[in-house]
N, C-alpha and C. Protein backbone atom coordinates (compact mmCIF):
# COMPACT_ATOMS: atom_id res chain seq x y z
N MET A 1 -7.53 -28.75 3.65
CA MET A 1 -8.42 -27.60 3.49
C MET A 1 -9.64 -27.81 4.37
N PRO A 2 -9.90 -26.84 5.21
CA PRO A 2 -11.03 -26.97 6.16
C PRO A 2 -12.38 -26.69 5.52
N ASP A 3 -13.41 -27.15 6.21
CA ASP A 3 -14.78 -26.86 5.80
C ASP A 3 -15.23 -25.55 6.42
N LEU A 4 -16.15 -24.90 5.75
CA LEU A 4 -16.76 -23.69 6.24
C LEU A 4 -18.24 -23.76 5.88
N THR A 5 -19.10 -23.42 6.83
CA THR A 5 -20.55 -23.49 6.60
C THR A 5 -21.16 -22.10 6.63
N ILE A 6 -22.05 -21.85 5.69
CA ILE A 6 -22.83 -20.61 5.63
C ILE A 6 -24.29 -20.97 5.88
N ILE A 7 -24.94 -20.23 6.77
CA ILE A 7 -26.37 -20.40 7.06
C ILE A 7 -27.09 -19.14 6.59
N ASN A 8 -28.16 -19.31 5.84
CA ASN A 8 -28.96 -18.16 5.42
C ASN A 8 -30.02 -17.89 6.48
N ASN A 9 -29.82 -16.84 7.28
CA ASN A 9 -30.79 -16.44 8.29
C ASN A 9 -31.57 -15.20 7.88
N LEU A 10 -31.72 -15.02 6.58
CA LEU A 10 -32.54 -13.92 6.06
C LEU A 10 -33.90 -14.49 5.67
N ASP A 11 -34.83 -13.61 5.34
CA ASP A 11 -36.17 -14.03 4.92
C ASP A 11 -36.28 -14.22 3.42
N GLU A 12 -35.16 -14.23 2.72
CA GLU A 12 -35.17 -14.38 1.28
C GLU A 12 -34.02 -15.28 0.84
N ALA A 13 -34.16 -15.86 -0.34
CA ALA A 13 -33.08 -16.67 -0.92
C ALA A 13 -31.94 -15.75 -1.34
N ILE A 14 -30.72 -16.28 -1.26
CA ILE A 14 -29.53 -15.49 -1.62
C ILE A 14 -28.56 -16.35 -2.43
N HIS A 15 -27.72 -15.66 -3.20
CA HIS A 15 -26.57 -16.29 -3.85
C HIS A 15 -25.37 -15.93 -2.98
N VAL A 16 -24.51 -16.90 -2.65
CA VAL A 16 -23.32 -16.63 -1.83
C VAL A 16 -22.09 -17.15 -2.55
N ALA A 17 -20.95 -16.48 -2.33
CA ALA A 17 -19.71 -16.90 -2.98
C ALA A 17 -18.50 -16.45 -2.19
N PHE A 18 -17.43 -17.22 -2.33
CA PHE A 18 -16.11 -16.85 -1.81
C PHE A 18 -15.22 -16.56 -3.01
N PHE A 19 -14.43 -15.49 -2.89
CA PHE A 19 -13.61 -15.00 -3.99
C PHE A 19 -12.12 -15.11 -3.67
N ILE A 20 -11.35 -15.43 -4.68
CA ILE A 20 -9.91 -15.18 -4.72
C ILE A 20 -9.75 -14.42 -6.04
N THR A 21 -9.90 -13.12 -6.01
CA THR A 21 -9.98 -12.23 -7.18
C THR A 21 -11.32 -12.37 -7.89
N ALA A 22 -11.78 -13.59 -8.11
CA ALA A 22 -13.06 -13.88 -8.77
C ALA A 22 -13.74 -14.98 -7.97
N PRO A 23 -15.06 -15.19 -8.15
CA PRO A 23 -15.74 -16.25 -7.41
C PRO A 23 -15.11 -17.63 -7.70
N THR A 24 -14.73 -18.34 -6.63
CA THR A 24 -14.15 -19.68 -6.79
C THR A 24 -15.05 -20.77 -6.21
N HIS A 25 -15.80 -20.44 -5.18
CA HIS A 25 -16.72 -21.38 -4.53
C HIS A 25 -18.03 -20.64 -4.32
N TRP A 26 -19.15 -21.20 -4.80
CA TRP A 26 -20.42 -20.51 -4.64
C TRP A 26 -21.58 -21.48 -4.52
N LYS A 27 -22.67 -20.93 -3.99
CA LYS A 27 -23.95 -21.65 -3.89
C LYS A 27 -25.01 -20.64 -4.30
N ASN A 28 -25.72 -20.95 -5.35
CA ASN A 28 -26.80 -20.08 -5.81
C ASN A 28 -28.12 -20.53 -5.20
N ASN A 29 -28.98 -19.54 -4.94
CA ASN A 29 -30.33 -19.79 -4.44
C ASN A 29 -30.34 -20.53 -3.10
N LEU A 30 -29.54 -20.06 -2.15
CA LEU A 30 -29.53 -20.61 -0.80
C LEU A 30 -30.81 -20.13 -0.10
N LYS A 31 -31.69 -21.06 0.18
CA LYS A 31 -33.02 -20.74 0.73
C LYS A 31 -32.91 -20.28 2.19
N PRO A 32 -33.91 -19.54 2.69
CA PRO A 32 -33.92 -19.16 4.10
C PRO A 32 -33.83 -20.39 5.00
N GLY A 33 -32.92 -20.34 5.98
CA GLY A 33 -32.71 -21.45 6.91
C GLY A 33 -31.80 -22.55 6.38
N GLU A 34 -31.48 -22.52 5.10
CA GLU A 34 -30.64 -23.56 4.51
C GLU A 34 -29.17 -23.34 4.87
N ARG A 35 -28.43 -24.46 4.96
CA ARG A 35 -26.99 -24.44 5.22
C ARG A 35 -26.25 -24.92 3.99
N TRP A 36 -25.07 -24.34 3.78
CA TRP A 36 -24.18 -24.76 2.70
C TRP A 36 -22.78 -24.93 3.28
N THR A 37 -22.20 -26.10 3.12
CA THR A 37 -20.85 -26.37 3.59
C THR A 37 -19.95 -26.61 2.40
N THR A 38 -18.79 -25.95 2.41
CA THR A 38 -17.83 -26.09 1.32
C THR A 38 -16.43 -26.23 1.90
N ASN A 39 -15.54 -26.78 1.12
CA ASN A 39 -14.16 -26.99 1.50
C ASN A 39 -13.33 -25.88 0.87
N LEU A 40 -12.67 -25.07 1.70
CA LEU A 40 -11.96 -23.89 1.21
C LEU A 40 -10.48 -23.93 1.59
N PRO A 41 -9.64 -23.25 0.83
CA PRO A 41 -8.23 -23.15 1.20
C PRO A 41 -8.06 -22.21 2.39
N THR A 42 -7.02 -22.42 3.16
CA THR A 42 -6.73 -21.56 4.30
C THR A 42 -6.07 -20.28 3.79
N LEU A 43 -6.90 -19.30 3.52
CA LEU A 43 -6.48 -18.01 2.97
C LEU A 43 -7.45 -16.94 3.45
N PRO A 44 -7.04 -15.69 3.36
CA PRO A 44 -8.04 -14.64 3.53
C PRO A 44 -8.85 -14.56 2.23
N LEU A 45 -10.13 -14.76 2.34
CA LEU A 45 -11.01 -14.74 1.17
C LEU A 45 -11.99 -13.58 1.27
N TYR A 46 -12.60 -13.26 0.17
CA TYR A 46 -13.64 -12.24 0.09
C TYR A 46 -14.97 -12.97 -0.03
N PHE A 47 -15.94 -12.59 0.79
CA PHE A 47 -17.26 -13.21 0.78
C PHE A 47 -18.28 -12.20 0.27
N GLN A 48 -19.23 -12.68 -0.54
CA GLN A 48 -20.29 -11.81 -1.04
C GLN A 48 -21.62 -12.56 -1.04
N ALA A 49 -22.67 -11.86 -0.64
CA ALA A 49 -24.04 -12.38 -0.75
C ALA A 49 -24.83 -11.42 -1.65
N ARG A 50 -25.62 -12.01 -2.55
CA ARG A 50 -26.48 -11.25 -3.46
C ARG A 50 -27.93 -11.68 -3.27
N TRP A 51 -28.84 -10.75 -3.44
CA TRP A 51 -30.25 -11.13 -3.44
C TRP A 51 -30.54 -11.89 -4.72
N VAL A 52 -31.55 -12.77 -4.68
CA VAL A 52 -31.92 -13.58 -5.84
C VAL A 52 -33.00 -12.90 -6.65
N GLU A 53 -34.03 -12.41 -5.95
CA GLU A 53 -35.18 -11.85 -6.65
C GLU A 53 -35.79 -10.73 -5.81
N ARG A 54 -36.18 -9.66 -6.46
CA ARG A 54 -36.84 -8.54 -5.80
C ARG A 54 -38.01 -8.09 -6.67
N THR A 55 -39.07 -7.60 -6.03
CA THR A 55 -40.23 -7.07 -6.73
C THR A 55 -40.41 -5.61 -6.34
N ASP A 56 -40.55 -4.74 -7.33
CA ASP A 56 -40.73 -3.33 -7.00
C ASP A 56 -42.20 -3.03 -6.71
N ASN A 57 -42.52 -1.78 -6.40
CA ASN A 57 -43.88 -1.38 -6.01
C ASN A 57 -44.91 -1.60 -7.11
N SER A 58 -44.47 -1.62 -8.36
CA SER A 58 -45.41 -1.82 -9.46
C SER A 58 -45.57 -3.29 -9.84
N GLY A 59 -44.89 -4.19 -9.10
CA GLY A 59 -45.03 -5.62 -9.36
C GLY A 59 -44.02 -6.21 -10.33
N VAL A 60 -43.08 -5.37 -10.79
CA VAL A 60 -42.04 -5.87 -11.70
C VAL A 60 -41.02 -6.68 -10.89
N VAL A 61 -40.72 -7.88 -11.39
CA VAL A 61 -39.78 -8.77 -10.71
C VAL A 61 -38.40 -8.64 -11.33
N TYR A 62 -37.39 -8.45 -10.48
CA TYR A 62 -36.00 -8.37 -10.92
C TYR A 62 -35.26 -9.58 -10.38
N ARG A 63 -34.43 -10.19 -11.22
CA ARG A 63 -33.62 -11.34 -10.80
C ARG A 63 -32.16 -10.98 -10.94
N SER A 64 -31.37 -11.31 -9.92
CA SER A 64 -29.95 -11.00 -9.98
C SER A 64 -29.19 -12.07 -10.74
N ARG A 65 -27.99 -11.74 -11.09
CA ARG A 65 -27.10 -12.65 -11.81
C ARG A 65 -26.55 -13.68 -10.81
N ALA A 66 -26.76 -14.94 -11.10
CA ALA A 66 -26.23 -16.01 -10.26
C ALA A 66 -24.73 -16.14 -10.52
N PHE A 67 -24.00 -16.62 -9.52
CA PHE A 67 -22.57 -16.87 -9.71
C PHE A 67 -22.40 -18.03 -10.69
N CYS A 68 -21.41 -17.95 -11.56
CA CYS A 68 -21.20 -18.98 -12.58
C CYS A 68 -19.75 -18.94 -13.05
N PRO A 69 -19.30 -20.01 -13.71
CA PRO A 69 -17.92 -20.02 -14.21
C PRO A 69 -17.63 -18.87 -15.19
N GLU A 70 -18.60 -18.52 -16.01
CA GLU A 70 -18.39 -17.44 -16.98
C GLU A 70 -18.11 -16.11 -16.29
N GLU A 71 -18.84 -15.84 -15.19
CA GLU A 71 -18.59 -14.61 -14.44
C GLU A 71 -17.20 -14.64 -13.82
N SER A 72 -16.80 -15.79 -13.30
CA SER A 72 -15.47 -15.90 -12.71
C SER A 72 -14.39 -15.61 -13.74
N TRP A 73 -14.53 -16.20 -14.93
CA TRP A 73 -13.55 -15.96 -15.98
C TRP A 73 -13.56 -14.49 -16.41
N GLU A 74 -14.74 -13.91 -16.50
CA GLU A 74 -14.84 -12.50 -16.91
C GLU A 74 -14.16 -11.59 -15.88
N MET A 75 -14.42 -11.84 -14.60
CA MET A 75 -13.82 -11.01 -13.55
C MET A 75 -12.30 -11.18 -13.54
N GLY A 76 -11.84 -12.42 -13.64
CA GLY A 76 -10.41 -12.67 -13.65
C GLY A 76 -9.72 -12.02 -14.84
N ALA A 77 -10.34 -12.12 -16.01
CA ALA A 77 -9.76 -11.51 -17.21
C ALA A 77 -9.76 -9.99 -17.11
N THR A 78 -10.83 -9.42 -16.54
CA THR A 78 -10.92 -7.97 -16.41
C THR A 78 -9.82 -7.43 -15.52
N ILE A 79 -9.67 -7.99 -14.34
CA ILE A 79 -8.66 -7.46 -13.41
C ILE A 79 -7.26 -7.86 -13.86
N GLY A 80 -7.12 -9.02 -14.48
CA GLY A 80 -5.81 -9.43 -15.00
C GLY A 80 -5.32 -8.51 -16.10
N THR A 81 -6.22 -8.16 -17.02
CA THR A 81 -5.86 -7.25 -18.11
C THR A 81 -5.54 -5.86 -17.55
N ALA A 82 -6.32 -5.41 -16.58
CA ALA A 82 -6.07 -4.10 -15.98
C ALA A 82 -4.70 -4.07 -15.29
N CYS A 83 -4.37 -5.12 -14.56
CA CYS A 83 -3.07 -5.18 -13.88
C CYS A 83 -1.93 -5.22 -14.89
N ALA A 84 -2.08 -6.02 -15.94
CA ALA A 84 -1.03 -6.11 -16.97
C ALA A 84 -0.84 -4.76 -17.66
N ALA A 85 -1.93 -4.09 -18.00
CA ALA A 85 -1.83 -2.79 -18.66
C ALA A 85 -1.19 -1.75 -17.75
N GLY A 86 -1.59 -1.74 -16.49
CA GLY A 86 -1.00 -0.79 -15.54
C GLY A 86 0.48 -1.03 -15.33
N THR A 87 0.85 -2.30 -15.20
CA THR A 87 2.26 -2.64 -15.02
C THR A 87 3.07 -2.24 -16.25
N ALA A 88 2.54 -2.56 -17.43
CA ALA A 88 3.23 -2.19 -18.67
C ALA A 88 3.39 -0.68 -18.79
N SER A 89 2.36 0.06 -18.39
CA SER A 89 2.42 1.52 -18.45
C SER A 89 3.53 2.06 -17.57
N VAL A 90 3.63 1.55 -16.36
CA VAL A 90 4.66 2.01 -15.42
C VAL A 90 6.05 1.63 -15.92
N VAL A 91 6.20 0.39 -16.37
CA VAL A 91 7.51 -0.05 -16.86
C VAL A 91 7.95 0.78 -18.07
N ILE A 92 7.06 0.96 -19.03
CA ILE A 92 7.40 1.75 -20.23
C ILE A 92 7.74 3.18 -19.85
N GLY A 93 6.93 3.77 -18.97
CA GLY A 93 7.20 5.13 -18.54
C GLY A 93 8.51 5.27 -17.79
N THR A 94 8.85 4.27 -16.98
CA THR A 94 10.09 4.30 -16.20
C THR A 94 11.31 4.16 -17.11
N ILE A 95 11.21 3.25 -18.05
CA ILE A 95 12.36 2.97 -18.93
C ILE A 95 12.57 4.08 -19.96
N THR A 96 11.50 4.54 -20.56
CA THR A 96 11.63 5.48 -21.69
C THR A 96 11.43 6.94 -21.32
N GLY A 97 10.90 7.20 -20.12
CA GLY A 97 10.64 8.59 -19.73
C GLY A 97 9.55 9.20 -20.57
N TRP A 98 9.69 10.50 -20.86
CA TRP A 98 8.63 11.20 -21.61
C TRP A 98 8.49 10.69 -23.03
N ILE A 99 9.52 10.03 -23.56
CA ILE A 99 9.44 9.51 -24.93
C ILE A 99 8.36 8.42 -25.04
N GLY A 100 8.18 7.64 -23.98
CA GLY A 100 7.20 6.55 -24.00
C GLY A 100 5.80 6.96 -23.62
N GLU A 101 5.60 8.24 -23.34
CA GLU A 101 4.29 8.71 -22.90
C GLU A 101 3.16 8.40 -23.88
N PRO A 102 3.37 8.49 -25.21
CA PRO A 102 2.28 8.16 -26.13
C PRO A 102 1.79 6.71 -25.99
N LEU A 103 2.63 5.81 -25.52
CA LEU A 103 2.22 4.43 -25.31
C LEU A 103 1.81 4.19 -23.86
N SER A 104 2.50 4.84 -22.95
CA SER A 104 2.25 4.63 -21.52
C SER A 104 0.88 5.15 -21.07
N ALA A 105 0.50 6.32 -21.53
CA ALA A 105 -0.77 6.93 -21.09
C ALA A 105 -2.00 6.10 -21.48
N PRO A 106 -2.10 5.62 -22.74
CA PRO A 106 -3.26 4.79 -23.08
C PRO A 106 -3.32 3.48 -22.29
N LEU A 107 -2.14 2.92 -21.99
CA LEU A 107 -2.13 1.69 -21.18
C LEU A 107 -2.67 1.95 -19.78
N MET A 108 -2.30 3.09 -19.20
CA MET A 108 -2.81 3.42 -17.88
C MET A 108 -4.32 3.69 -17.93
N ALA A 109 -4.80 4.25 -19.02
CA ALA A 109 -6.25 4.46 -19.19
C ALA A 109 -6.97 3.12 -19.23
N VAL A 110 -6.38 2.13 -19.92
CA VAL A 110 -6.96 0.77 -19.96
C VAL A 110 -6.99 0.18 -18.55
N ALA A 111 -5.90 0.37 -17.80
CA ALA A 111 -5.83 -0.14 -16.42
C ALA A 111 -6.92 0.49 -15.55
N ASN A 112 -7.10 1.80 -15.66
CA ASN A 112 -8.13 2.48 -14.87
C ASN A 112 -9.53 2.03 -15.24
N ALA A 113 -9.78 1.88 -16.53
CA ALA A 113 -11.10 1.43 -16.99
C ALA A 113 -11.39 0.01 -16.51
N GLY A 114 -10.39 -0.87 -16.57
CA GLY A 114 -10.56 -2.24 -16.09
C GLY A 114 -10.82 -2.29 -14.60
N GLY A 115 -10.10 -1.49 -13.84
CA GLY A 115 -10.33 -1.45 -12.39
C GLY A 115 -11.72 -0.93 -12.05
N ALA A 116 -12.17 0.08 -12.77
CA ALA A 116 -13.51 0.63 -12.54
C ALA A 116 -14.58 -0.41 -12.87
N LYS A 117 -14.39 -1.14 -13.98
CA LYS A 117 -15.37 -2.17 -14.35
C LYS A 117 -15.40 -3.28 -13.31
N TYR A 118 -14.22 -3.72 -12.86
CA TYR A 118 -14.13 -4.78 -11.86
C TYR A 118 -14.85 -4.38 -10.57
N ALA A 119 -14.70 -3.12 -10.17
CA ALA A 119 -15.31 -2.64 -8.92
C ALA A 119 -16.83 -2.64 -8.97
N THR A 120 -17.41 -2.54 -10.16
CA THR A 120 -18.86 -2.46 -10.26
C THR A 120 -19.53 -3.78 -10.64
N MET A 121 -18.74 -4.82 -10.92
CA MET A 121 -19.33 -6.09 -11.35
C MET A 121 -20.22 -6.68 -10.24
N GLY A 122 -21.49 -6.82 -10.52
CA GLY A 122 -22.44 -7.38 -9.55
C GLY A 122 -22.79 -6.46 -8.40
N SER A 123 -22.34 -5.21 -8.44
CA SER A 123 -22.55 -4.32 -7.30
C SER A 123 -24.00 -3.93 -7.08
N ASP A 124 -24.83 -4.00 -8.12
CA ASP A 124 -26.22 -3.59 -7.98
C ASP A 124 -27.06 -4.59 -7.20
N THR A 125 -26.56 -5.79 -6.98
CA THR A 125 -27.35 -6.81 -6.29
C THR A 125 -26.70 -7.29 -4.99
N LYS A 126 -25.62 -6.65 -4.56
CA LYS A 126 -24.93 -7.07 -3.34
C LYS A 126 -25.75 -6.76 -2.09
N LEU A 127 -25.87 -7.75 -1.24
CA LEU A 127 -26.47 -7.53 0.08
C LEU A 127 -25.39 -7.24 1.11
N CYS A 128 -24.33 -8.04 1.06
CA CYS A 128 -23.22 -7.80 1.97
C CYS A 128 -21.95 -8.37 1.36
N GLU A 129 -20.84 -7.85 1.83
CA GLU A 129 -19.54 -8.32 1.40
C GLU A 129 -18.55 -8.08 2.53
N THR A 130 -17.60 -8.99 2.69
CA THR A 130 -16.61 -8.84 3.75
C THR A 130 -15.43 -9.76 3.48
N ARG A 131 -14.37 -9.56 4.21
CA ARG A 131 -13.22 -10.46 4.17
C ARG A 131 -13.40 -11.53 5.23
N VAL A 132 -12.97 -12.76 4.91
CA VAL A 132 -13.09 -13.88 5.83
C VAL A 132 -11.76 -14.62 5.85
N TRP A 133 -11.28 -14.92 7.04
CA TRP A 133 -10.08 -15.74 7.18
C TRP A 133 -10.54 -17.18 7.41
N VAL A 134 -10.05 -18.11 6.59
CA VAL A 134 -10.39 -19.53 6.74
C VAL A 134 -9.28 -20.18 7.57
N PRO A 135 -9.57 -20.60 8.81
CA PRO A 135 -8.52 -21.16 9.67
C PRO A 135 -8.08 -22.56 9.23
N TRP A 136 -6.93 -22.99 9.73
CA TRP A 136 -6.35 -24.28 9.33
C TRP A 136 -7.22 -25.47 9.69
N PHE A 137 -7.60 -25.59 10.97
CA PHE A 137 -8.20 -26.84 11.44
C PHE A 137 -9.60 -26.68 12.03
N GLU A 138 -10.12 -25.51 12.04
CA GLU A 138 -11.43 -25.27 12.65
C GLU A 138 -12.51 -25.18 11.58
N HIS A 139 -13.60 -25.90 11.80
CA HIS A 139 -14.77 -25.79 10.91
C HIS A 139 -15.55 -24.55 11.35
N LYS A 140 -15.43 -23.47 10.60
CA LYS A 140 -16.12 -22.23 10.94
C LYS A 140 -17.55 -22.28 10.42
N VAL A 141 -18.45 -21.67 11.19
CA VAL A 141 -19.85 -21.55 10.79
C VAL A 141 -20.21 -20.06 10.83
N TYR A 142 -20.69 -19.57 9.70
CA TYR A 142 -21.11 -18.18 9.58
C TYR A 142 -22.58 -18.12 9.19
N SER A 143 -23.22 -17.05 9.63
CA SER A 143 -24.63 -16.83 9.34
C SER A 143 -24.77 -15.50 8.60
N VAL A 144 -25.52 -15.51 7.50
CA VAL A 144 -25.87 -14.25 6.83
C VAL A 144 -27.17 -13.80 7.48
N ARG A 145 -27.11 -12.66 8.17
CA ARG A 145 -28.29 -12.21 8.92
C ARG A 145 -28.44 -10.71 8.87
N SER A 146 -29.61 -10.26 9.23
CA SER A 146 -29.90 -8.84 9.29
C SER A 146 -29.13 -8.25 10.48
N VAL A 147 -28.49 -7.10 10.23
CA VAL A 147 -27.75 -6.43 11.31
C VAL A 147 -28.33 -5.05 11.60
N GLY A 148 -29.55 -4.82 11.14
CA GLY A 148 -30.26 -3.59 11.46
C GLY A 148 -30.28 -2.59 10.32
N ALA A 149 -31.30 -1.76 10.33
CA ALA A 149 -31.49 -0.67 9.36
C ALA A 149 -31.44 -1.17 7.92
N GLY A 150 -32.03 -2.33 7.66
CA GLY A 150 -32.11 -2.85 6.31
C GLY A 150 -30.80 -3.40 5.77
N ARG A 151 -29.80 -3.55 6.64
CA ARG A 151 -28.51 -4.08 6.21
C ARG A 151 -28.36 -5.53 6.65
N CYS A 152 -27.49 -6.25 5.96
CA CYS A 152 -27.18 -7.60 6.42
C CYS A 152 -25.68 -7.74 6.52
N GLY A 153 -25.24 -8.76 7.25
CA GLY A 153 -23.82 -8.98 7.43
C GLY A 153 -23.54 -10.44 7.67
N LEU A 154 -22.28 -10.78 7.69
CA LEU A 154 -21.84 -12.14 7.95
C LEU A 154 -21.51 -12.23 9.43
N TRP A 155 -22.11 -13.21 10.11
CA TRP A 155 -22.01 -13.35 11.55
C TRP A 155 -21.26 -14.63 11.89
N ASP A 156 -20.23 -14.54 12.73
CA ASP A 156 -19.50 -15.71 13.22
C ASP A 156 -20.35 -16.33 14.33
N VAL A 157 -20.88 -17.53 14.08
CA VAL A 157 -21.83 -18.15 15.01
C VAL A 157 -21.15 -18.51 16.32
N LYS A 158 -19.97 -19.13 16.29
CA LYS A 158 -19.28 -19.56 17.51
C LYS A 158 -18.86 -18.37 18.36
N GLU A 159 -18.29 -17.35 17.75
CA GLU A 159 -17.81 -16.19 18.49
C GLU A 159 -18.91 -15.15 18.75
N ASN A 160 -20.10 -15.37 18.19
CA ASN A 160 -21.26 -14.51 18.37
C ASN A 160 -20.92 -13.02 18.12
N ARG A 161 -20.33 -12.80 16.93
CA ARG A 161 -20.00 -11.42 16.54
C ARG A 161 -19.97 -11.32 15.02
N GLN A 162 -20.09 -10.09 14.55
CA GLN A 162 -20.05 -9.86 13.11
C GLN A 162 -18.64 -10.12 12.59
N ALA A 163 -18.55 -10.80 11.46
CA ALA A 163 -17.23 -11.11 10.86
C ALA A 163 -16.65 -9.86 10.22
């Protein structure tokens, strides 16, 4: 499993994580200019950066949710339950036809609700998110940086382009 390094090139601390359905590798409170190196599996992964703290115009301080094992379990259980309910709904509907509709329809509603919840988990604090391919033998270095108009993105340092 190769190493991958993330550099925080923003003016604020961030929480960063790599996902396989749920956060599996993370670093909370990555300070500006700080580097974090982790060992990841060679897979297409999902990357997310969240702001740590923000202050509004009236001086109220907001803190985002740090990545943690409990969040990973919650996300995995949410999408796992949604997938199981959706699959059960389709199987029951296929096998029983209209007779199974009283059971099939509520299961599909559970699947839709779970998918909607999963899609919004942590969405209020996201700075950027993207897919990342972790290569077999290359130590990749990425930078979280401003990409204009108040947005940030993940930048491939070696290839000098946005990931």
